[in-house]
N, C-alpha and C. Protein backbone atom coordinates (compact mmCIF):
# COMPACT_ATOMS: atom_id res chain seq x y z
N MET A 1 0.84 -1.18 0.00
CA MET A 1 0.00 0.00 0.00
C MET A 1 0.89 1.24 0.00
N ALA A 2 0.56 2.19 -0.85
CA ALA A 2 1.36 3.41 -0.97
C ALA A 2 1.20 4.29 0.25
N GLU A 3 2.28 4.95 0.63
CA GLU A 3 2.24 5.88 1.76
C GLU A 3 1.43 7.11 1.37
N ARG A 4 0.61 7.59 2.31
CA ARG A 4 -0.21 8.77 2.04
C ARG A 4 0.68 10.00 1.93
N LYS A 5 0.36 10.85 0.96
CA LYS A 5 1.08 12.11 0.80
C LYS A 5 0.74 13.06 1.93
N VAL A 6 1.68 13.94 2.26
CA VAL A 6 1.42 15.01 3.22
C VAL A 6 0.37 15.93 2.61
N ARG A 7 -0.64 16.26 3.42
CA ARG A 7 -1.71 17.17 2.99
C ARG A 7 -1.55 18.49 3.73
N ILE A 8 -1.59 19.58 2.99
CA ILE A 8 -1.37 20.92 3.56
C ILE A 8 -2.51 21.83 3.14
N LEU A 9 -3.04 22.55 4.12
CA LEU A 9 -4.03 23.58 3.87
C LEU A 9 -3.30 24.92 3.88
N VAL A 10 -3.42 25.69 2.82
CA VAL A 10 -2.83 27.03 2.76
C VAL A 10 -3.99 28.02 2.89
N ALA A 11 -3.84 28.95 3.84
CA ALA A 11 -4.96 29.85 4.13
C ALA A 11 -4.49 31.29 4.33
N LYS A 12 -5.40 32.20 4.07
CA LYS A 12 -5.19 33.64 4.26
C LYS A 12 -6.15 34.12 5.34
N PRO A 13 -5.69 34.20 6.58
CA PRO A 13 -6.58 34.65 7.65
C PRO A 13 -6.77 36.16 7.64
N GLY A 14 -7.92 36.58 8.12
CA GLY A 14 -8.18 38.01 8.30
C GLY A 14 -8.58 38.73 7.04
N LEU A 15 -8.40 40.04 7.09
CA LEU A 15 -8.87 40.91 6.02
C LEU A 15 -7.83 41.18 4.95
N ASP A 16 -6.66 40.59 5.09
CA ASP A 16 -5.57 40.75 4.13
C ASP A 16 -6.02 40.28 2.75
N GLY A 17 -5.92 41.13 1.75
CA GLY A 17 -6.37 40.78 0.41
C GLY A 17 -5.25 40.46 -0.56
N HIS A 18 -4.04 40.29 -0.06
CA HIS A 18 -2.89 40.01 -0.93
C HIS A 18 -2.58 38.52 -0.89
N ASP A 19 -2.93 37.81 -1.98
CA ASP A 19 -2.77 36.36 -1.94
C ASP A 19 -1.77 35.79 -2.93
N ARG A 20 -1.04 36.64 -3.62
CA ARG A 20 -0.08 36.13 -4.59
C ARG A 20 0.95 35.22 -3.95
N GLY A 21 1.51 35.65 -2.81
CA GLY A 21 2.52 34.84 -2.13
C GLY A 21 1.97 33.49 -1.70
N ALA A 22 0.76 33.48 -1.15
CA ALA A 22 0.14 32.23 -0.72
C ALA A 22 -0.06 31.29 -1.90
N LYS A 23 -0.48 31.84 -3.03
CA LYS A 23 -0.69 31.00 -4.22
C LYS A 23 0.63 30.46 -4.75
N VAL A 24 1.68 31.27 -4.70
CA VAL A 24 3.00 30.82 -5.16
C VAL A 24 3.52 29.70 -4.26
N VAL A 25 3.38 29.87 -2.95
CA VAL A 25 3.82 28.83 -2.02
C VAL A 25 2.98 27.57 -2.20
N ALA A 26 1.67 27.72 -2.35
CA ALA A 26 0.79 26.56 -2.55
C ALA A 26 1.21 25.78 -3.80
N ARG A 27 1.51 26.49 -4.86
CA ARG A 27 1.92 25.82 -6.09
C ARG A 27 3.27 25.13 -5.92
N ALA A 28 4.22 25.77 -5.24
CA ALA A 28 5.53 25.15 -5.01
C ALA A 28 5.39 23.88 -4.18
N LEU A 29 4.52 23.91 -3.17
CA LEU A 29 4.30 22.72 -2.35
C LEU A 29 3.65 21.61 -3.18
N ARG A 30 2.69 21.99 -4.00
CA ARG A 30 2.05 21.00 -4.88
C ARG A 30 3.06 20.40 -5.85
N ASP A 31 3.89 21.27 -6.44
CA ASP A 31 4.89 20.80 -7.40
C ASP A 31 5.93 19.89 -6.74
N ALA A 32 6.10 20.04 -5.42
CA ALA A 32 7.05 19.21 -4.68
C ALA A 32 6.43 17.86 -4.28
N GLY A 33 5.16 17.66 -4.62
CA GLY A 33 4.54 16.37 -4.38
C GLY A 33 3.56 16.32 -3.22
N PHE A 34 3.32 17.45 -2.56
CA PHE A 34 2.36 17.48 -1.47
C PHE A 34 0.95 17.68 -2.03
N GLU A 35 -0.05 17.21 -1.31
CA GLU A 35 -1.43 17.53 -1.64
C GLU A 35 -1.74 18.87 -0.96
N VAL A 36 -2.25 19.82 -1.72
CA VAL A 36 -2.47 21.17 -1.20
C VAL A 36 -3.91 21.60 -1.43
N VAL A 37 -4.49 22.15 -0.38
CA VAL A 37 -5.82 22.74 -0.44
C VAL A 37 -5.64 24.23 -0.14
N TYR A 38 -6.15 25.09 -1.02
CA TYR A 38 -6.07 26.53 -0.79
C TYR A 38 -7.46 27.05 -0.48
N THR A 39 -7.62 27.73 0.65
CA THR A 39 -8.95 28.16 1.09
C THR A 39 -9.39 29.49 0.52
N GLY A 40 -8.46 30.27 0.01
CA GLY A 40 -8.84 31.59 -0.49
C GLY A 40 -8.71 32.67 0.56
N LEU A 41 -9.15 33.86 0.20
CA LEU A 41 -9.00 35.05 1.03
C LEU A 41 -10.03 35.13 2.14
N HIS A 42 -9.71 35.97 3.14
CA HIS A 42 -10.64 36.42 4.18
C HIS A 42 -11.21 35.29 5.02
N GLN A 43 -10.36 34.39 5.45
CA GLN A 43 -10.78 33.27 6.29
C GLN A 43 -10.64 33.61 7.77
N THR A 44 -11.62 33.22 8.55
CA THR A 44 -11.51 33.38 10.00
C THR A 44 -10.71 32.20 10.56
N PRO A 45 -10.15 32.35 11.75
CA PRO A 45 -9.46 31.21 12.35
C PRO A 45 -10.35 29.97 12.46
N ASP A 46 -11.63 30.15 12.81
CA ASP A 46 -12.53 29.01 12.90
C ASP A 46 -12.78 28.37 11.54
N MET A 47 -12.90 29.17 10.50
CA MET A 47 -13.08 28.62 9.16
C MET A 47 -11.85 27.80 8.75
N ILE A 48 -10.67 28.31 9.06
CA ILE A 48 -9.43 27.61 8.72
C ILE A 48 -9.33 26.30 9.48
N ALA A 49 -9.59 26.33 10.78
CA ALA A 49 -9.52 25.11 11.59
C ALA A 49 -10.55 24.08 11.13
N SER A 50 -11.75 24.54 10.84
CA SER A 50 -12.79 23.64 10.36
C SER A 50 -12.39 22.97 9.04
N ALA A 51 -11.87 23.77 8.11
CA ALA A 51 -11.43 23.22 6.83
C ALA A 51 -10.27 22.24 7.02
N ALA A 52 -9.36 22.56 7.93
CA ALA A 52 -8.21 21.68 8.18
C ALA A 52 -8.67 20.32 8.69
N VAL A 53 -9.65 20.32 9.59
CA VAL A 53 -10.17 19.05 10.12
C VAL A 53 -10.94 18.31 9.03
N GLN A 54 -11.79 19.01 8.31
CA GLN A 54 -12.59 18.37 7.25
C GLN A 54 -11.71 17.78 6.16
N GLU A 55 -10.63 18.46 5.83
CA GLU A 55 -9.74 18.00 4.75
C GLU A 55 -8.69 17.02 5.25
N ASP A 56 -8.68 16.74 6.56
CA ASP A 56 -7.74 15.80 7.16
C ASP A 56 -6.29 16.14 6.79
N VAL A 57 -5.92 17.40 7.01
CA VAL A 57 -4.58 17.83 6.65
C VAL A 57 -3.58 17.55 7.76
N ASP A 58 -2.33 17.53 7.38
CA ASP A 58 -1.22 17.32 8.31
C ASP A 58 -0.62 18.64 8.76
N ALA A 59 -0.84 19.68 7.97
CA ALA A 59 -0.27 21.00 8.28
C ALA A 59 -1.16 22.10 7.73
N VAL A 60 -1.06 23.26 8.37
CA VAL A 60 -1.72 24.47 7.90
C VAL A 60 -0.65 25.52 7.69
N GLY A 61 -0.59 26.06 6.48
CA GLY A 61 0.31 27.15 6.16
C GLY A 61 -0.47 28.44 6.06
N LEU A 62 -0.12 29.40 6.90
CA LEU A 62 -0.81 30.69 6.93
C LEU A 62 0.02 31.76 6.27
N SER A 63 -0.63 32.66 5.57
CA SER A 63 0.05 33.78 4.93
C SER A 63 -0.66 35.05 5.33
N ILE A 64 0.13 36.01 5.82
CA ILE A 64 -0.48 37.27 6.24
C ILE A 64 0.45 38.44 5.96
N MET A 65 -0.11 39.48 5.41
CA MET A 65 0.66 40.67 5.08
C MET A 65 0.17 41.89 5.85
N SER A 66 -0.90 41.74 6.62
CA SER A 66 -1.57 42.89 7.23
C SER A 66 -1.00 43.30 8.59
N GLY A 67 -0.13 42.48 9.17
CA GLY A 67 0.42 42.81 10.48
C GLY A 67 -0.37 42.21 11.63
N ALA A 68 -1.39 41.43 11.36
CA ALA A 68 -2.22 40.84 12.41
C ALA A 68 -1.77 39.43 12.79
N HIS A 69 -0.55 39.08 12.44
CA HIS A 69 -0.05 37.72 12.69
C HIS A 69 -0.03 37.35 14.17
N ASN A 70 0.29 38.29 15.05
CA ASN A 70 0.36 37.99 16.49
C ASN A 70 -1.01 37.65 17.07
N THR A 71 -2.06 38.05 16.41
CA THR A 71 -3.42 37.72 16.84
C THR A 71 -3.96 36.51 16.09
N LEU A 72 -3.83 36.53 14.76
CA LEU A 72 -4.48 35.51 13.94
C LEU A 72 -3.79 34.15 13.97
N PHE A 73 -2.46 34.11 13.96
CA PHE A 73 -1.78 32.81 13.99
C PHE A 73 -2.13 32.04 15.27
N PRO A 74 -2.00 32.67 16.46
CA PRO A 74 -2.39 31.94 17.69
C PRO A 74 -3.88 31.59 17.72
N ALA A 75 -4.72 32.42 17.12
CA ALA A 75 -6.16 32.12 17.09
C ALA A 75 -6.44 30.87 16.26
N VAL A 76 -5.70 30.68 15.18
CA VAL A 76 -5.86 29.46 14.37
C VAL A 76 -5.42 28.25 15.20
N ILE A 77 -4.30 28.36 15.91
CA ILE A 77 -3.82 27.25 16.74
C ILE A 77 -4.85 26.92 17.81
N GLU A 78 -5.43 27.92 18.44
CA GLU A 78 -6.45 27.68 19.46
C GLU A 78 -7.69 27.04 18.85
N ALA A 79 -8.10 27.47 17.67
CA ALA A 79 -9.26 26.88 17.00
C ALA A 79 -9.00 25.42 16.64
N LEU A 80 -7.77 25.09 16.26
CA LEU A 80 -7.42 23.69 16.00
C LEU A 80 -7.49 22.89 17.30
N ARG A 81 -6.91 23.43 18.37
CA ARG A 81 -6.93 22.74 19.67
C ARG A 81 -8.36 22.47 20.12
N SER A 82 -9.23 23.45 19.93
CA SER A 82 -10.62 23.29 20.39
C SER A 82 -11.34 22.18 19.61
N ARG A 83 -10.80 21.80 18.48
CA ARG A 83 -11.37 20.72 17.67
C ARG A 83 -10.61 19.40 17.85
N GLY A 84 -9.69 19.38 18.81
CA GLY A 84 -8.89 18.17 19.05
C GLY A 84 -7.86 17.91 17.96
N ALA A 85 -7.45 18.96 17.26
CA ALA A 85 -6.54 18.82 16.12
C ALA A 85 -5.19 19.48 16.40
N GLU A 86 -4.72 19.37 17.65
CA GLU A 86 -3.44 20.00 18.00
C GLU A 86 -2.25 19.31 17.35
N ASP A 87 -2.48 18.15 16.71
CA ASP A 87 -1.39 17.46 16.02
C ASP A 87 -1.13 18.03 14.63
N ILE A 88 -1.96 18.95 14.17
CA ILE A 88 -1.75 19.59 12.87
C ILE A 88 -0.66 20.65 13.04
N VAL A 89 0.39 20.54 12.24
CA VAL A 89 1.51 21.48 12.29
C VAL A 89 1.08 22.80 11.66
N VAL A 90 1.35 23.90 12.35
CA VAL A 90 1.03 25.23 11.82
C VAL A 90 2.33 25.96 11.51
N PHE A 91 2.42 26.47 10.29
CA PHE A 91 3.54 27.31 9.89
C PHE A 91 2.99 28.50 9.14
N GLY A 92 3.80 29.53 8.99
CA GLY A 92 3.28 30.71 8.31
C GLY A 92 4.35 31.66 7.86
N GLY A 93 3.92 32.60 7.07
CA GLY A 93 4.84 33.58 6.55
C GLY A 93 4.12 34.85 6.15
N GLY A 94 4.93 35.79 5.71
CA GLY A 94 4.41 37.09 5.30
C GLY A 94 5.29 38.19 5.85
N ILE A 95 4.69 39.33 6.05
CA ILE A 95 5.42 40.47 6.61
C ILE A 95 5.42 40.31 8.12
N ILE A 96 6.45 39.66 8.63
CA ILE A 96 6.55 39.37 10.06
C ILE A 96 7.89 39.90 10.56
N PRO A 97 7.86 40.90 11.43
CA PRO A 97 9.11 41.45 11.96
C PRO A 97 9.88 40.38 12.75
N ASP A 98 11.20 40.45 12.68
CA ASP A 98 12.05 39.49 13.39
C ASP A 98 11.71 39.39 14.87
N GLU A 99 11.36 40.53 15.47
CA GLU A 99 11.08 40.52 16.91
C GLU A 99 9.78 39.79 17.27
N ASP A 100 8.95 39.46 16.29
CA ASP A 100 7.72 38.72 16.54
C ASP A 100 7.87 37.21 16.38
N ILE A 101 8.96 36.77 15.80
CA ILE A 101 9.12 35.34 15.49
C ILE A 101 9.10 34.48 16.75
N ALA A 102 9.86 34.84 17.78
CA ALA A 102 9.89 34.04 19.01
C ALA A 102 8.51 33.98 19.65
N ARG A 103 7.79 35.07 19.63
CA ARG A 103 6.43 35.10 20.20
C ARG A 103 5.52 34.12 19.46
N LEU A 104 5.60 34.10 18.14
CA LEU A 104 4.79 33.18 17.35
C LEU A 104 5.18 31.73 17.63
N GLN A 105 6.48 31.48 17.70
CA GLN A 105 6.95 30.12 18.00
C GLN A 105 6.48 29.68 19.38
N ASN A 106 6.53 30.56 20.36
CA ASN A 106 6.05 30.25 21.71
C ASN A 106 4.55 29.96 21.71
N ALA A 107 3.82 30.55 20.77
CA ALA A 107 2.38 30.32 20.65
C ALA A 107 2.06 29.01 19.92
N GLY A 108 3.10 28.36 19.36
CA GLY A 108 2.88 27.08 18.71
C GLY A 108 3.09 27.06 17.21
N VAL A 109 3.48 28.19 16.63
CA VAL A 109 3.77 28.22 15.20
C VAL A 109 5.13 27.55 15.01
N LYS A 110 5.14 26.45 14.26
CA LYS A 110 6.36 25.64 14.15
C LYS A 110 7.40 26.21 13.18
N GLY A 111 6.97 26.94 12.18
CA GLY A 111 7.89 27.53 11.21
C GLY A 111 7.40 28.91 10.82
N VAL A 112 8.31 29.87 10.77
CA VAL A 112 7.96 31.24 10.40
C VAL A 112 8.88 31.66 9.26
N PHE A 113 8.28 32.12 8.17
CA PHE A 113 9.03 32.49 6.97
C PHE A 113 8.78 33.95 6.64
N THR A 114 9.85 34.69 6.47
CA THR A 114 9.76 36.12 6.21
C THR A 114 10.08 36.40 4.74
N PRO A 115 9.86 37.63 4.28
CA PRO A 115 10.15 37.95 2.89
C PRO A 115 11.59 37.58 2.53
N GLY A 116 11.75 37.04 1.36
CA GLY A 116 13.07 36.62 0.90
C GLY A 116 13.36 35.15 1.11
N THR A 117 12.52 34.47 1.90
CA THR A 117 12.68 33.03 2.08
C THR A 117 12.45 32.36 0.73
N THR A 118 13.32 31.46 0.36
CA THR A 118 13.14 30.78 -0.93
C THR A 118 12.07 29.71 -0.84
N LEU A 119 11.44 29.44 -1.97
CA LEU A 119 10.46 28.37 -2.02
C LEU A 119 11.11 27.04 -1.67
N LYS A 120 12.34 26.86 -2.12
CA LYS A 120 13.07 25.63 -1.80
C LYS A 120 13.20 25.45 -0.30
N SER A 121 13.48 26.52 0.43
CA SER A 121 13.61 26.45 1.89
C SER A 121 12.30 26.04 2.54
N ILE A 122 11.20 26.58 2.05
CA ILE A 122 9.89 26.24 2.61
C ILE A 122 9.57 24.77 2.33
N VAL A 123 9.80 24.33 1.11
CA VAL A 123 9.55 22.93 0.75
C VAL A 123 10.41 22.01 1.61
N GLU A 124 11.68 22.33 1.76
CA GLU A 124 12.56 21.49 2.58
C GLU A 124 12.13 21.48 4.04
N TRP A 125 11.66 22.62 4.55
CA TRP A 125 11.19 22.67 5.92
C TRP A 125 9.99 21.74 6.09
N VAL A 126 9.06 21.79 5.15
CA VAL A 126 7.89 20.92 5.23
C VAL A 126 8.31 19.45 5.15
N GLN A 127 9.22 19.13 4.24
CA GLN A 127 9.69 17.75 4.13
C GLN A 127 10.29 17.25 5.44
N THR A 128 10.96 18.12 6.16
CA THR A 128 11.63 17.75 7.41
C THR A 128 10.68 17.75 8.62
N ASN A 129 9.70 18.64 8.62
CA ASN A 129 8.91 18.88 9.83
C ASN A 129 7.46 18.40 9.81
N VAL A 130 7.00 17.91 8.68
CA VAL A 130 5.59 17.47 8.58
C VAL A 130 5.56 16.04 8.08
N THR A 131 4.85 15.20 8.81
CA THR A 131 4.68 13.80 8.38
C THR A 131 3.18 13.52 8.23
N PRO A 132 2.84 12.63 7.32
CA PRO A 132 1.42 12.33 7.12
C PRO A 132 0.85 11.56 8.31
N HIS A 133 -0.38 11.89 8.66
CA HIS A 133 -1.09 11.12 9.68
C HIS A 133 -1.45 9.77 9.07
N SER A 134 -1.65 8.80 9.89
CA SER A 134 -2.00 7.48 9.37
C SER A 134 -3.46 7.38 9.02
């Protein structure tokens, strides 16, 4: 029996309307062999967590450019926990100041990617840090 591919949900939380980066990352992950679900713009943390559980994903990749990462990233993690899905790896990127990275990691964000991060680096991080659920 073939091993299940890693499934990743890519989401844009909040009112941020800039989704080019999220789409580029989603395509790079898909091209690297992962199954990718893209939720589109203007998702609430509850919508993201609900979709992650329904789609049985192994990871959620968040993209935010609006500066609300310190609120929205932890809210997604809490929404996952409230659904018993704390085993889903959460990572994210966007316009995130260096001084906020430790705070996000302490909140449970496993990987944080800032502008200039290569697609190859993100793909390699996922390959190393996300495993498919059985």
